[in-house]
């Protein structure tokens, strides 16, 4: 697989934690309960920015394959009408590192408060 398709792609980490909807593991997510501290059940979501239509499917499959290459399990799932990539929260650092190494930019939230 050519990683060129991933270069110049930008993903944004969704702000919540998620979990698999009961009975739909791998195919349907929902926001997780705030008091669920079991990281084995927690997922993070990544949303692709700047693309529409069939191109999103192709890039999301390439993102998932890039993670699979390093044994990080991921699922491309529709959430709130958009395809998103979900990985276990325990794998977040490995996943973002791998994606960055493939040329994917990770959009970060910026704070406007003074750090001093």
Protein backbone atom coordinates (compact mmCIF):
# COMPACT_ATOMS: atom_id res chain seq x y z
CA UNK A 1 0.00 0.00 0.00
CA UNK A 2 1.25 3.45 -0.83
CA UNK A 3 1.34 5.82 2.12
CA UNK A 4 1.30 8.82 -0.24
CA UNK A 5 -2.47 9.01 0.10
CA UNK A 6 -2.02 9.76 3.81
CA UNK A 7 0.41 12.62 3.35
CA UNK A 8 -1.24 16.00 3.81
CA UNK A 9 -4.26 14.39 5.50
CA UNK A 10 -5.40 16.01 8.72
CA UNK A 11 -7.26 14.25 11.50
CA UNK A 12 -8.87 15.75 14.58
CA UNK A 13 -9.27 13.85 17.84
CA UNK A 14 -12.89 13.88 18.90
CA UNK A 15 -13.24 15.52 22.32
CA UNK A 16 -14.96 12.69 24.17
CA UNK A 17 -14.19 9.12 25.07
CA UNK A 18 -16.36 6.47 23.48
CA UNK A 19 -17.27 2.83 23.95
CA UNK A 20 -18.81 0.17 21.77
CA UNK A 21 -22.59 0.15 21.90
CA UNK A 22 -23.77 -3.05 23.59
CA UNK A 23 -24.07 -5.80 21.01
CA UNK A 24 -22.36 -3.75 18.27
CA UNK A 25 -18.63 -4.09 19.00
CA UNK A 26 -16.67 -2.91 15.99
CA UNK A 27 -19.64 -1.28 14.27
CA UNK A 28 -21.38 1.27 16.52
CA UNK A 29 -20.05 3.61 19.22
CA UNK A 30 -21.58 5.87 21.83
CA UNK A 31 -20.11 8.40 24.26
CA UNK A 32 -18.82 6.58 27.32
CA UNK A 33 -20.07 7.12 30.82
CA UNK A 34 -17.89 9.65 32.66
CA UNK A 35 -17.34 7.36 35.65
CA UNK A 36 -16.18 4.34 33.58
CA UNK A 37 -12.48 4.13 34.44
CA UNK A 38 -11.88 0.83 32.61
CA UNK A 39 -9.50 1.85 29.81
CA UNK A 40 -9.97 -1.52 28.12
CA UNK A 41 -13.47 -0.36 27.13
CA UNK A 42 -12.56 3.24 26.25
CA UNK A 43 -12.09 4.39 22.66
CA UNK A 44 -10.85 7.58 21.08
CA UNK A 45 -12.16 8.81 17.77
CA UNK A 46 -10.32 10.52 14.91
CA UNK A 47 -12.20 12.51 12.30
CA UNK A 48 -10.70 13.28 8.89
CA UNK A 49 -10.78 16.96 7.98
CA UNK A 50 -11.06 18.51 4.53
CA UNK A 51 -12.40 15.66 2.40
CA UNK A 52 -15.82 14.59 1.19
CA UNK A 53 -17.40 11.61 -0.52
CA UNK A 54 -15.57 8.50 -1.65
CA UNK A 55 -12.14 10.02 -0.92
CA UNK A 56 -12.92 9.83 2.82
CA UNK A 57 -13.55 6.08 2.61
CA UNK A 58 -10.27 5.50 0.76
CA UNK A 59 -8.23 7.56 3.23
CA UNK A 60 -9.93 6.08 6.30
CA UNK A 61 -9.18 2.57 5.03
CA UNK A 62 -5.54 3.60 4.48
CA UNK A 63 -5.38 5.04 8.02
CA UNK A 64 -6.78 1.82 9.44
CA UNK A 65 -4.32 -0.26 7.40
CA UNK A 66 -1.38 1.86 8.61
CA UNK A 67 -2.42 1.11 12.19
CA UNK A 68 -2.96 -2.57 11.41
CA UNK A 69 0.63 -2.71 10.13
CA UNK A 70 1.81 -2.07 13.71
CA UNK A 71 -0.84 -4.34 15.29
CA UNK A 72 -3.08 -1.50 16.51
CA UNK A 73 -6.71 -2.53 16.12
CA UNK A 74 -8.95 0.17 14.67
CA UNK A 75 -12.43 0.43 13.22
CA UNK A 76 -13.88 2.89 10.74
CA UNK A 77 -17.38 3.64 12.00
CA UNK A 78 -19.99 6.22 11.11
CA UNK A 79 -20.61 8.56 14.04
CA UNK A 80 -23.03 11.49 13.84
CA UNK A 81 -23.18 11.13 10.05
CA UNK A 82 -19.40 11.09 9.45
CA UNK A 83 -16.86 8.31 9.14
CA UNK A 84 -14.45 8.28 12.06
CA UNK A 85 -11.58 6.02 13.03
CA UNK A 86 -11.80 4.55 16.52
CA UNK A 87 -8.96 2.95 18.48
CA UNK A 88 -8.65 1.74 22.04
CA UNK A 89 -7.58 4.54 24.36
CA UNK A 90 -4.63 2.41 25.50
CA UNK A 91 -3.35 2.53 21.89
CA UNK A 92 -3.77 6.28 21.39
CA UNK A 93 -0.07 7.17 21.62
CA UNK A 94 1.03 4.37 19.29
CA UNK A 95 -1.74 5.24 16.83
CA UNK A 96 -0.99 8.97 16.70
CA UNK A 97 2.75 8.32 16.46
CA UNK A 98 2.23 5.91 13.55
CA UNK A 99 -0.08 8.30 11.73
CA UNK A 100 2.37 11.18 12.16
CA UNK A 101 5.17 8.97 10.81
CA UNK A 102 2.99 8.33 7.74
CA UNK A 103 2.64 12.07 7.12
CA UNK A 104 -0.76 12.62 8.73
CA UNK A 105 -1.18 15.85 10.68
CA UNK A 106 -3.01 15.68 14.00
CA UNK A 107 -5.06 18.81 14.69
CA UNK A 108 -4.79 19.86 18.31
CA UNK A 109 -7.10 22.03 20.36
CA UNK A 110 -5.52 25.37 21.21
CA UNK A 111 -6.04 27.15 24.49
CA UNK A 112 -6.53 30.88 24.67
CA UNK A 113 -5.66 31.26 28.33
CA UNK A 114 -2.31 32.44 29.45
CA UNK A 115 0.09 29.67 30.36
CA UNK A 116 2.00 31.90 32.77
